[in-house]
Amino acid sequence: MRIFRLLKIILVVFRFGLDDILLSHPRLRLLRPLTMLVPFRSRLKLPRAVRLRLALEKLGPIFIKFGQMLSTRRDLLARDFADELAKLQDQVPPFPSDLAVATLEKVYEKPLNEVFFKFDNQPVASASVAQVHFAILHDGTEVAVKILRPDIAPVIAHDVALMETGAWLLESIWPDGKRLKLREVVSEFARHLGDELDLIREASNCSQLRRNFLDSPLLFVPEVYWDYCLREVMVMERVKGIPISHVTKLRKQGIDIPQLARVGVEIFFTQVFRDGYFHADMHPGNIFVGSDGRYIAIDFGIMGTLSDEDKNYLAQNFLGFFRRDYRRIAQAHVEAGWAPRNTRVDDFEAGIRAVCEPIFDRPLKEIYFGRVLLQLFQVSRQFNVEIQPQLVLLQKTLLNIEGLGRDLDPDLDLWKTAKPFLENWMSEQISWRGLVSHIQKEAPNWAAILPEFPRLIHYHLSQERAQILEDRLAELVAQEKKQSRLLALLAALLAALLFAQVYF
């Protein structure tokens, strides 16, 4: 099946002329005559960006998600590509409405009019994995109904299998493959894709994020109606707002766009450092702005989580960047075990400084993080820094945030916006309030462990004493075996001497 899927990908690439886009590069133009050998290229009259979008749609959800991510990086793409790929955020061709109705009646095991007072057959949004219809419950509540695409799981499974095979090959033949932990990265990506195929899991993600930002002046998260949620269907509160990519409409509504950009940065850092739980699919198609100026989040299929150790490491690195304390960044990598223990911190510090120093004191419109990440990648390769798979989603989200911020306010100063937040967070972690908070968090565990301390200490000491005796006994046995071998050797020599005297 992997071979057939790979052949399909190759055929789609040639059918939509994506090889022509690649071969337009000056160094590859000599290979263009080879494309004349392909007899079924039927879409070359369309613009190149349209062909790319259609090819990604044809190839399925993983490729659509790749296009969604690319669409947020207008600094890295030509304008025609960025504009066309933006359509993948919420304009993926929908599946037929009769299939949507059939899915609902199958999972609810009753006619649709018994579930909803009114159901709009025309989808309002369609994405790579599911599509959304508006409906009204029998009590008059307006809701959004998200329905999983039929038979989507096998397609994703085949694509993930190809990615796993590709990662294995790259780790085998590419020197940086093992350091980048490509197979672990693919496994992490596949795990989150699996979560997206279970809408009960997405509903629980939405519910958790809503609790984290309940009554927040920054972010609104819709309510989940659990009585209507199943693996293939999710029903939540209908939200009304303007897509964040429609900047002109937002200005007409009196929204302060620069302030909106700063709030977006604050929301991101709040999710990461306060909660360790963040929306990891923040492309413009998933974010709206309400009439009150609050962000409205939708689509909770991919959420990222961070441990306390990850948050502390990230905070130290961010603050190191903001304070230009490159030595602290280098030390943090070594202390976390991401760089080898024998790394020369001063050399690592110099490499990081060479990448980061030129970008400070510049507005966002003059900073290209794609280039910065490439340069940091080269430095990390030089010092054998291991990539952490659990942070891949965070890196992806950071790129989305940058693209979003660049669209809203090119003059946004990311450093000045984020630095006070991180400094306050770090201050709380090391202050007496942070100590009290940690004690309160661990108190239940201590209450259970403290009564067992005497027994645990006795057990540990007895185990240690037993281990010492066992080690001593093993040592005596080894010595005895050694002495026995020496005695056997002496006996053999003595027997040989006696034999020689008797017979010679």
Protein backbone atom coordinates (compact mmCIF):
# COMPACT_ATOMS: atom_id res chain seq x y z
CA MET A 1 0.00 0.00 0.00
CA ARG A 2 2.89 2.36 0.72
CA ILE A 3 4.25 1.79 -2.77
CA PHE A 4 0.86 2.55 -4.37
CA ARG A 5 0.50 5.70 -2.25
CA LEU A 6 4.01 6.83 -3.24
CA LEU A 7 3.19 6.25 -6.91
CA LYS A 8 0.03 8.33 -6.52
CA ILE A 9 2.02 11.19 -4.99
CA ILE A 10 4.48 11.10 -7.90
CA LEU A 11 1.64 11.03 -10.45
CA VAL A 12 -0.08 14.01 -8.81
CA VAL A 13 3.20 15.95 -8.80
CA PHE A 14 3.58 15.43 -12.55
CA ARG A 15 -0.13 15.89 -13.34
CA PHE A 16 -0.24 19.35 -11.77
CA GLY A 17 3.17 20.34 -13.04
CA LEU A 18 4.79 20.80 -9.64
CA ASP A 19 8.02 19.52 -11.14
CA ASP A 20 7.87 22.55 -13.48
CA ILE A 21 7.83 24.84 -10.43
CA LEU A 22 10.86 23.07 -9.00
CA LEU A 23 12.75 23.04 -12.28
CA SER A 24 12.28 26.81 -12.68
CA HIS A 25 15.25 27.17 -10.34
CA PRO A 26 18.27 28.36 -12.37
CA ARG A 27 20.43 25.42 -11.32
CA LEU A 28 17.81 22.88 -12.42
CA ARG A 29 16.65 24.36 -15.72
CA LEU A 30 18.79 21.93 -17.72
CA LEU A 31 16.48 19.12 -16.58
CA ARG A 32 13.29 20.77 -17.90
CA PRO A 33 13.32 18.93 -21.28
CA LEU A 34 12.73 15.69 -19.35
CA THR A 35 9.22 16.88 -18.44
CA MET A 36 8.22 16.56 -22.13
CA LEU A 37 8.24 12.79 -21.60
CA VAL A 38 5.23 12.99 -19.27
CA PRO A 39 2.04 12.54 -21.40
CA PHE A 40 -0.72 13.34 -18.86
CA ARG A 41 0.07 16.91 -17.77
CA SER A 42 -3.39 18.46 -18.06
CA ARG A 43 -3.25 21.42 -15.67
CA LEU A 44 -0.28 23.47 -16.84
CA LYS A 45 -2.53 26.27 -18.18
CA LEU A 46 -3.51 27.17 -14.60
CA PRO A 47 -1.33 29.57 -12.58
CA ARG A 48 1.46 27.86 -10.65
CA ALA A 49 0.03 28.73 -7.22
CA VAL A 50 -3.38 27.32 -8.13
CA ARG A 51 -1.73 24.12 -9.34
CA LEU A 52 0.11 23.77 -6.04
CA ARG A 53 -3.08 24.25 -4.02
CA LEU A 54 -5.04 21.76 -6.16
CA ALA A 55 -2.25 19.19 -5.85
CA LEU A 56 -2.18 19.50 -2.06
CA GLU A 57 -5.97 19.14 -1.93
CA LYS A 58 -5.75 16.06 -4.14
CA LEU A 59 -3.09 14.46 -1.95
CA GLY A 60 -5.14 14.73 1.24
CA PRO A 61 -5.09 16.00 4.83
CA ILE A 62 -1.38 15.82 5.68
CA PHE A 63 -0.42 17.75 2.56
CA ILE A 64 -3.22 20.26 3.18
CA LYS A 65 -1.86 20.86 6.67
CA PHE A 66 1.57 21.43 5.17
CA GLY A 67 0.06 24.03 2.84
CA GLN A 68 -1.74 25.68 5.77
CA MET A 69 1.55 26.07 7.61
CA LEU A 70 3.28 27.49 4.53
CA SER A 71 0.48 30.01 4.02
CA THR A 72 1.37 31.75 7.29
CA ARG A 73 4.93 32.46 6.11
CA ARG A 74 4.39 35.30 3.64
CA ASP A 75 7.96 36.39 4.27
CA LEU A 76 9.22 33.12 2.79
CA LEU A 77 6.75 32.72 -0.09
CA ALA A 78 5.94 34.63 -3.24
CA ARG A 79 2.68 36.57 -2.90
CA ASP A 80 0.73 34.38 -5.35
CA PHE A 81 1.64 31.23 -3.40
CA ALA A 82 0.77 32.79 -0.04
CA ASP A 83 -2.62 34.07 -1.25
CA GLU A 84 -3.59 30.78 -2.85
CA LEU A 85 -2.43 28.53 -0.01
CA ALA A 86 -4.39 30.70 2.43
CA LYS A 87 -7.52 29.17 0.88
CA LEU A 88 -6.52 25.85 2.46
CA GLN A 89 -7.21 27.29 5.91
CA ASP A 90 -11.00 27.13 5.58
CA GLN A 91 -11.84 26.65 1.90
CA VAL A 92 -10.94 23.00 1.31
CA PRO A 93 -13.57 21.43 -0.99
CA PRO A 94 -16.33 19.98 1.26
CA PHE A 95 -17.65 16.45 1.08
CA PRO A 96 -21.31 16.07 -0.03
CA SER A 97 -23.98 17.14 2.45
CA ASP A 98 -25.87 13.86 2.07
CA LEU A 99 -22.79 12.08 3.46
CA ALA A 100 -22.76 14.51 6.38
CA VAL A 101 -26.43 13.80 7.12
CA ALA A 102 -25.86 10.04 6.77
CA THR A 103 -22.96 10.21 9.23
CA LEU A 104 -25.06 12.10 11.79
CA GLU A 105 -28.02 9.73 11.53
CA LYS A 106 -25.68 6.75 11.80
CA VAL A 107 -23.89 7.90 14.95
CA TYR A 108 -27.03 9.28 16.67
CA GLU A 109 -29.12 6.27 15.56
CA LYS A 110 -32.18 8.45 14.92
CA PRO A 111 -33.50 10.81 12.21
CA LEU A 112 -31.70 14.15 12.04
CA ASN A 113 -34.83 16.18 12.84
CA GLU A 114 -35.03 14.42 16.21
CA VAL A 115 -31.52 15.58 17.08
CA PHE A 116 -31.60 19.15 15.76
CA PHE A 117 -34.52 21.52 15.36
CA LYS A 118 -32.79 22.92 12.28
CA PHE A 119 -29.71 21.74 10.40
CA ASP A 120 -28.05 23.77 7.61
CA ASN A 121 -27.02 21.39 4.82
CA GLN A 122 -24.57 23.92 3.42
CA PRO A 123 -21.23 23.70 5.29
CA VAL A 124 -19.84 27.00 6.56
CA ALA A 125 -16.24 25.79 6.71
CA SER A 126 -14.35 22.82 5.37
CA ALA A 127 -10.88 21.74 6.43
CA SER A 128 -8.57 18.80 5.87
CA VAL A 129 -10.08 16.43 8.44
CA ALA A 130 -13.65 17.67 9.02
CA GLN A 131 -16.24 20.23 8.01
CA VAL A 132 -18.64 22.42 9.99
CA HIS A 133 -22.39 23.01 9.65
CA PHE A 134 -24.57 25.40 11.63
CA ALA A 135 -27.59 24.02 13.47
CA ILE A 136 -30.17 24.91 16.12
CA LEU A 137 -31.02 22.65 19.06
CA HIS A 138 -34.62 22.04 20.09
CA ASP A 139 -34.21 24.50 22.97
CA GLY A 140 -33.23 27.25 20.51
CA THR A 141 -29.46 27.17 21.14
CA GLU A 142 -27.38 28.01 18.08
CA VAL A 143 -24.54 25.52 17.63
CA ALA A 144 -21.74 24.56 15.25
CA VAL A 145 -21.60 20.88 14.28
CA LYS A 146 -18.20 19.50 13.28
CA ILE A 147 -18.33 16.25 11.28
CA LEU A 148 -15.36 14.02 10.51
CA ARG A 149 -14.67 13.32 6.84
CA PRO A 150 -15.78 9.78 5.89
CA ASP A 151 -13.01 7.20 5.39
CA ILE A 152 -10.25 9.68 6.22
CA ALA A 153 -8.34 7.42 8.63
CA PRO A 154 -6.87 4.99 6.01
CA VAL A 155 -5.51 7.88 3.90
CA ILE A 156 -3.78 9.42 6.91
CA ALA A 157 -2.42 6.01 7.96
CA HIS A 158 -0.80 5.48 4.55
CA ASP A 159 0.73 8.96 4.52
CA VAL A 160 2.09 8.55 8.03
CA ALA A 161 3.58 5.19 7.03
CA LEU A 162 5.36 6.89 4.12
CA MET A 163 6.65 9.61 6.44
CA GLU A 164 7.95 6.96 8.86
CA THR A 165 9.73 5.17 6.02
CA GLY A 166 11.20 8.44 4.77
CA ALA A 167 12.36 9.35 8.29
CA TRP A 168 14.02 5.94 8.67
CA LEU A 169 15.81 6.35 5.34
CA LEU A 170 16.99 9.86 6.22
CA GLU A 171 18.26 8.72 9.61
CA SER A 172 20.15 5.93 7.83
CA ILE A 173 21.82 7.99 5.10
CA TRP A 174 21.88 11.59 6.42
CA PRO A 175 24.45 12.46 9.08
CA ASP A 176 22.02 14.85 10.83
CA GLY A 177 19.10 12.42 10.70
CA LYS A 178 19.67 10.74 14.07
CA ARG A 179 20.49 14.00 15.82
CA LEU A 180 17.22 15.50 14.61
CA LYS A 181 15.32 12.39 15.82
CA LEU A 182 13.22 12.34 12.66
CA ARG A 183 11.38 9.15 13.53
CA GLU A 184 10.43 10.53 16.93
CA VAL A 185 9.23 13.74 15.28
CA VAL A 186 7.06 11.75 12.87
CA SER A 187 5.69 9.71 15.76
CA GLU A 188 4.81 12.92 17.62
CA PHE A 189 3.09 14.30 14.51
CA ALA A 190 1.22 11.02 13.97
CA ARG A 191 0.03 11.01 17.58
CA HIS A 192 -1.51 14.45 17.18
CA LEU A 193 -3.08 13.47 13.86
CA GLY A 194 -4.64 10.50 15.62
CA ASP A 195 -6.09 12.88 18.19
CA GLU A 196 -7.67 14.94 15.40
CA LEU A 197 -9.54 11.86 14.20
CA ASP A 198 -11.30 11.53 17.57
CA LEU A 199 -13.65 14.49 18.04
CA ILE A 200 -14.35 13.50 21.65
CA ARG A 201 -10.70 14.20 22.31
CA GLU A 202 -10.95 17.55 20.52
CA ALA A 203 -14.04 18.42 22.59
CA SER A 204 -12.10 17.70 25.77
CA ASN A 205 -9.27 19.92 24.51
CA CYS A 206 -11.74 22.72 23.91
CA SER A 207 -13.26 22.27 27.36
CA GLN A 208 -9.85 22.41 29.05
CA LEU A 209 -8.78 25.55 27.19
CA ARG A 210 -12.13 27.17 28.02
CA ARG A 211 -11.56 26.54 31.74
CA ASN A 212 -8.06 28.03 31.49
CA PHE A 213 -9.43 31.26 29.98
CA LEU A 214 -12.86 31.44 31.58
CA ASP A 215 -13.87 35.12 31.93
CA SER A 216 -10.58 36.17 30.30
CA PRO A 217 -10.54 39.63 28.67
CA LEU A 218 -8.12 38.26 26.05
CA LEU A 219 -9.51 35.00 24.67
CA PHE A 220 -12.97 33.45 24.27
CA VAL A 221 -13.35 29.69 23.88
CA PRO A 222 -16.79 28.26 22.96
CA GLU A 223 -18.73 25.90 25.22
CA VAL A 224 -18.97 22.20 24.36
CA TYR A 225 -22.36 20.45 24.42
CA TRP A 226 -21.30 17.03 25.60
CA ASP A 227 -24.68 15.33 25.14
CA TYR A 228 -24.23 15.66 21.37
CA CYS A 229 -20.52 14.78 21.10
CA LEU A 230 -19.29 11.46 19.73
CA ARG A 231 -16.10 10.25 18.08
CA GLU A 232 -17.28 11.39 14.62
CA VAL A 233 -19.23 14.50 15.72
CA MET A 234 -18.52 17.50 17.94
CA VAL A 235 -21.16 20.09 18.84
CA MET A 236 -20.16 23.40 20.41
CA GLU A 237 -21.44 26.92 20.91
CA ARG A 238 -21.75 28.94 17.71
CA VAL A 239 -19.37 31.90 17.74
CA LYS A 240 -19.69 35.12 15.78
CA GLY A 241 -16.70 37.16 14.80
CA ILE A 242 -14.48 38.42 11.99
CA PRO A 243 -11.64 36.21 10.71
CA ILE A 244 -8.38 37.65 11.96
CA SER A 245 -7.00 37.72 8.43
CA HIS A 246 -9.68 40.28 7.38
CA VAL A 247 -7.75 43.29 8.69
CA THR A 248 -9.77 45.85 6.73
CA LYS A 249 -13.05 44.66 8.28
CA LEU A 250 -11.47 44.69 11.72
CA ARG A 251 -10.40 48.31 11.28
CA LYS A 252 -13.95 49.25 10.22
CA GLN A 253 -15.18 47.68 13.48
CA GLY A 254 -12.86 50.00 15.40
CA ILE A 255 -10.41 47.27 16.44
CA ASP A 256 -6.96 48.52 17.43
CA ILE A 257 -4.80 46.32 15.16
CA PRO A 258 -1.40 46.93 16.85
CA GLN A 259 -3.00 46.21 20.24
CA LEU A 260 -4.56 43.06 18.77
CA ALA A 261 -1.10 41.88 17.68
CA ARG A 262 0.32 42.48 21.17
CA VAL A 263 -2.60 40.61 22.77
CA GLY A 264 -1.93 37.65 20.48
CA VAL A 265 1.64 37.42 21.78
CA GLU A 266 0.40 37.67 25.39
CA ILE A 267 -2.16 34.89 24.82
CA PHE A 268 0.51 32.62 23.41
CA PHE A 269 2.96 33.14 26.26
CA THR A 270 0.16 32.78 28.83
CA GLN A 271 -0.80 29.40 27.38
CA VAL A 272 2.80 28.22 27.25
CA PHE A 273 4.18 29.42 30.60
CA ARG A 274 1.16 29.74 32.87
CA ASP A 275 -0.70 26.62 31.74
CA GLY A 276 1.83 24.50 29.82
CA TYR A 277 -1.11 23.83 27.48
CA PHE A 278 -1.38 25.68 24.17
CA HIS A 279 -3.34 25.81 20.95
CA ALA A 280 -0.90 24.36 18.43
CA ASP A 281 -2.78 25.05 15.19
CA MET A 282 -3.00 28.85 15.25
CA HIS A 283 -3.27 29.63 11.57
CA PRO A 284 -5.62 32.50 10.61
CA GLY A 285 -8.44 30.16 9.63
CA ASN A 286 -8.77 29.07 13.26
CA ILE A 287 -8.87 32.53 14.87
CA PHE A 288 -11.66 35.13 14.89
CA VAL A 289 -12.08 38.46 16.64
CA GLY A 290 -15.30 39.24 18.50
CA SER A 291 -17.12 42.55 18.63
CA ASP A 292 -15.56 43.15 22.07
CA GLY A 293 -12.03 42.82 20.62
CA ARG A 294 -11.34 39.41 22.18
CA TYR A 295 -9.71 36.61 20.26
CA ILE A 296 -12.02 33.67 19.51
CA ALA A 297 -10.35 30.27 19.09
CA ILE A 298 -11.82 27.33 17.17
CA ASP A 299 -10.50 23.94 16.03
CA PHE A 300 -8.84 22.26 19.00
CA GLY A 301 -7.61 19.08 17.33
CA ILE A 302 -3.92 19.81 17.97
CA MET A 303 -2.91 21.00 21.43
CA GLY A 304 0.60 21.08 22.85
CA THR A 305 1.68 20.32 26.41
CA LEU A 306 4.87 21.21 28.27
CA SER A 307 6.32 19.87 31.51
CA ASP A 308 7.60 22.16 34.27
CA GLU A 309 11.15 21.31 33.17
CA ASP A 310 10.35 22.29 29.57
CA LYS A 311 8.77 25.58 30.68
CA ASN A 312 11.71 26.46 32.88
CA TYR A 313 14.19 25.66 30.09
CA LEU A 314 12.21 27.71 27.56
CA ALA A 315 11.85 30.67 29.92
CA GLN A 316 15.60 30.71 30.55
CA ASN A 317 16.28 30.62 26.81
CA PHE A 318 13.74 33.33 25.96
CA LEU A 319 15.03 35.59 28.71
CA GLY A 320 18.57 34.86 27.61
CA PHE A 321 17.66 36.02 24.10
CA PHE A 322 15.85 39.12 25.33
CA ARG A 323 18.73 40.05 27.65
CA ARG A 324 21.36 39.02 25.11
CA ASP A 325 22.80 36.65 27.70
CA TYR A 326 24.06 34.10 25.20
CA ARG A 327 26.25 32.34 27.75
CA ARG A 328 23.16 31.50 29.81
CA ILE A 329 21.53 30.05 26.70
CA ALA A 330 24.55 27.85 26.01
CA GLN A 331 24.71 26.72 29.65
CA ALA A 332 20.97 25.94 29.66
CA HIS A 333 21.44 23.61 26.67
CA VAL A 334 24.24 21.74 28.42
CA GLU A 335 22.42 21.58 31.78
CA ALA A 336 19.29 20.22 30.09
CA GLY A 337 21.36 17.49 28.42
CA TRP A 338 20.51 18.72 24.93
CA ALA A 339 24.13 19.48 24.19
CA PRO A 340 26.96 17.06 25.12
CA ARG A 341 28.51 17.55 28.57
CA ASN A 342 31.92 18.18 27.01
CA THR A 343 30.62 21.12 24.93
CA ARG A 344 32.81 24.21 25.20
CA VAL A 345 30.32 26.75 26.48
CA ASP A 346 32.34 29.75 25.28
CA ASP A 347 32.42 28.45 21.69
CA PHE A 348 28.70 27.61 21.79
CA GLU A 349 28.00 31.09 23.19
CA ALA A 350 29.93 32.72 20.34
CA GLY A 351 27.96 30.72 17.75
CA ILE A 352 24.61 31.77 19.23
CA ARG A 353 25.71 35.40 19.47
CA ALA A 354 26.67 35.46 15.80
CA VAL A 355 23.13 34.40 14.85
CA CYS A 356 21.06 36.47 17.28
CA GLU A 357 22.89 39.74 17.74
CA PRO A 358 22.07 41.14 14.26
CA ILE A 359 18.30 40.82 14.74
CA PHE A 360 17.85 42.88 17.91
CA ASP A 361 16.39 46.38 17.95
CA ARG A 362 14.58 45.71 14.68
CA PRO A 363 10.83 45.67 14.06
CA LEU A 364 9.25 42.36 13.11
CA LYS A 365 9.04 43.35 9.43
CA GLU A 366 12.85 43.38 9.24
CA ILE A 367 13.35 40.03 11.01
CA TYR A 368 13.08 36.80 9.05
CA PHE A 369 12.82 33.98 11.52
CA GLY A 370 13.06 31.39 8.77
CA ARG A 371 16.62 32.51 8.16
CA VAL A 372 17.33 32.79 11.88
CA LEU A 373 16.10 29.22 12.45
CA LEU A 374 18.24 27.97 9.57
CA GLN A 375 21.30 29.64 11.06
CA LEU A 376 20.52 28.29 14.53
CA PHE A 377 20.13 24.85 12.96
CA GLN A 378 23.63 25.14 11.52
CA VAL A 379 25.02 26.16 14.92
CA SER A 380 23.21 23.32 16.69
CA ARG A 381 24.56 20.84 14.14
CA GLN A 382 28.08 22.10 14.78
CA PHE A 383 27.69 21.42 18.52
CA ASN A 384 25.67 18.17 18.21
CA VAL A 385 22.59 19.61 19.92
CA GLU A 386 19.73 17.09 19.97
CA ILE A 387 16.31 18.19 18.74
CA GLN A 388 13.53 17.62 21.31
CA PRO A 389 10.42 16.09 19.66
CA GLN A 390 8.10 17.39 22.41
CA LEU A 391 8.96 20.95 21.33
CA VAL A 392 8.28 20.49 17.61
CA LEU A 393 4.67 21.68 18.02
CA LEU A 394 5.87 24.71 19.94
CA GLN A 395 8.31 25.60 17.16
CA LYS A 396 5.51 25.23 14.59
CA THR A 397 3.23 27.45 16.68
CA LEU A 398 5.94 30.08 17.05
CA LEU A 399 6.19 30.26 13.26
CA ASN A 400 2.40 30.64 13.03
CA ILE A 401 2.46 33.40 15.65
CA GLU A 402 5.20 35.21 13.77
CA GLY A 403 3.27 35.01 10.49
CA LEU A 404 0.11 36.23 12.19
CA GLY A 405 1.93 39.08 13.92
CA ARG A 406 3.59 40.12 10.67
CA ASP A 407 0.20 40.33 8.92
CA LEU A 408 -1.40 42.35 11.74
CA ASP A 409 1.42 44.73 12.65
CA PRO A 410 4.73 44.58 10.79
CA ASP A 411 6.16 47.06 13.32
CA LEU A 412 5.40 44.80 16.29
CA ASP A 413 8.40 44.58 18.64
CA LEU A 414 8.23 41.00 19.78
CA TRP A 415 11.02 41.49 22.31
CA LYS A 416 9.41 44.41 24.16
CA THR A 417 6.02 42.67 24.15
CA ALA A 418 7.17 39.34 25.52
CA LYS A 419 10.04 40.28 27.82
CA PRO A 420 7.97 41.79 30.73
CA PHE A 421 5.66 38.78 30.71
CA LEU A 422 8.55 36.31 30.96
CA GLU A 423 10.32 38.34 33.64
CA ASN A 424 7.15 38.39 35.76
CA TRP A 425 6.69 34.66 35.26
CA MET A 426 10.27 33.88 36.28
CA SER A 427 9.95 36.20 39.29
CA GLU A 428 6.85 34.34 40.43
CA GLN A 429 8.61 31.01 40.05
CA ILE A 430 11.55 31.94 42.30
CA SER A 431 9.69 34.23 44.77
CA TRP A 432 8.06 33.18 48.03
CA ARG A 433 4.73 33.02 46.16
CA GLY A 434 6.20 30.46 43.82
CA LEU A 435 7.55 28.48 46.78
CA VAL A 436 4.12 28.50 48.45
CA SER A 437 2.48 27.45 45.19
CA HIS A 438 4.87 24.51 44.76
CA ILE A 439 4.33 23.46 48.39
CA GLN A 440 0.55 23.54 47.93
CA LYS A 441 0.86 21.48 44.78
CA GLU A 442 3.06 18.83 46.41
CA ALA A 443 1.37 18.81 49.85
CA PRO A 444 -1.04 15.94 49.03
CA ASN A 445 1.88 13.76 47.94
CA TRP A 446 3.87 14.65 51.07
CA ALA A 447 0.90 13.79 53.29
CA ALA A 448 0.85 10.30 51.79
CA ILE A 449 4.63 9.79 51.85
CA LEU A 450 5.62 11.24 55.26
CA PRO A 451 4.02 8.46 57.40
CA GLU A 452 5.95 5.90 55.33
CA PHE A 453 9.32 7.63 55.78
CA PRO A 454 10.59 5.47 58.72
CA ARG A 455 9.73 2.25 56.89
CA LEU A 456 11.22 3.51 53.62
CA ILE A 457 14.44 4.62 55.37
CA HIS A 458 14.74 1.26 57.16
CA TYR A 459 14.06 -0.57 53.91
CA HIS A 460 16.65 1.52 52.07
CA LEU A 461 19.29 0.98 54.75
CA SER A 462 18.58 -2.74 54.93
CA GLN A 463 18.69 -2.99 51.17
CA GLU A 464 21.96 -1.06 51.14
CA ARG A 465 23.40 -3.36 53.84
CA ALA A 466 22.17 -6.41 51.98
CA GLN A 467 23.67 -5.07 48.78
CA ILE A 468 27.02 -4.51 50.51
CA LEU A 469 26.97 -8.08 51.86
CA GLU A 470 25.97 -9.43 48.47
CA ASP A 471 28.77 -7.51 46.77
CA ARG A 472 31.26 -8.75 49.40
CA LEU A 473 30.08 -12.32 48.97
CA ALA A 474 30.42 -12.07 45.20
CA GLU A 475 33.92 -10.70 45.67
CA LEU A 476 34.85 -13.62 47.98
CA VAL A 477 33.39 -16.12 45.52
CA ALA A 478 35.40 -14.56 42.71
CA GLN A 479 38.57 -14.70 44.83
CA GLU A 480 37.87 -18.32 45.72
CA LYS A 481 37.39 -19.23 42.06
CA LYS A 482 40.64 -17.46 41.22
CA GLN A 483 42.48 -19.32 43.98
CA SER A 484 40.91 -22.61 42.85
CA ARG A 485 42.16 -22.04 39.31
CA LEU A 486 45.68 -21.31 40.65
CA LEU A 487 45.61 -24.48 42.79
CA ALA A 488 44.44 -26.50 39.81
CA LEU A 489 47.26 -25.07 37.72
CA LEU A 490 49.85 -25.87 40.44
CA ALA A 491 48.48 -29.39 40.78
CA ALA A 492 48.76 -29.91 37.07
CA LEU A 493 52.34 -28.67 37.06
CA LEU A 494 53.22 -30.93 40.03
CA ALA A 495 51.66 -33.93 38.33
CA ALA A 496 53.64 -33.18 35.19
CA LEU A 497 56.90 -33.01 37.18
CA LEU A 498 56.17 -36.32 38.94
CA PHE A 499 55.32 -37.94 35.61
CA ALA A 500 58.59 -36.70 34.13
CA GLN A 501 60.64 -38.08 37.05
CA VAL A 502 59.00 -41.48 36.91
CA TYR A 503 59.31 -42.03 33.18
CA PHE A 504 62.45 -40.05 32.31
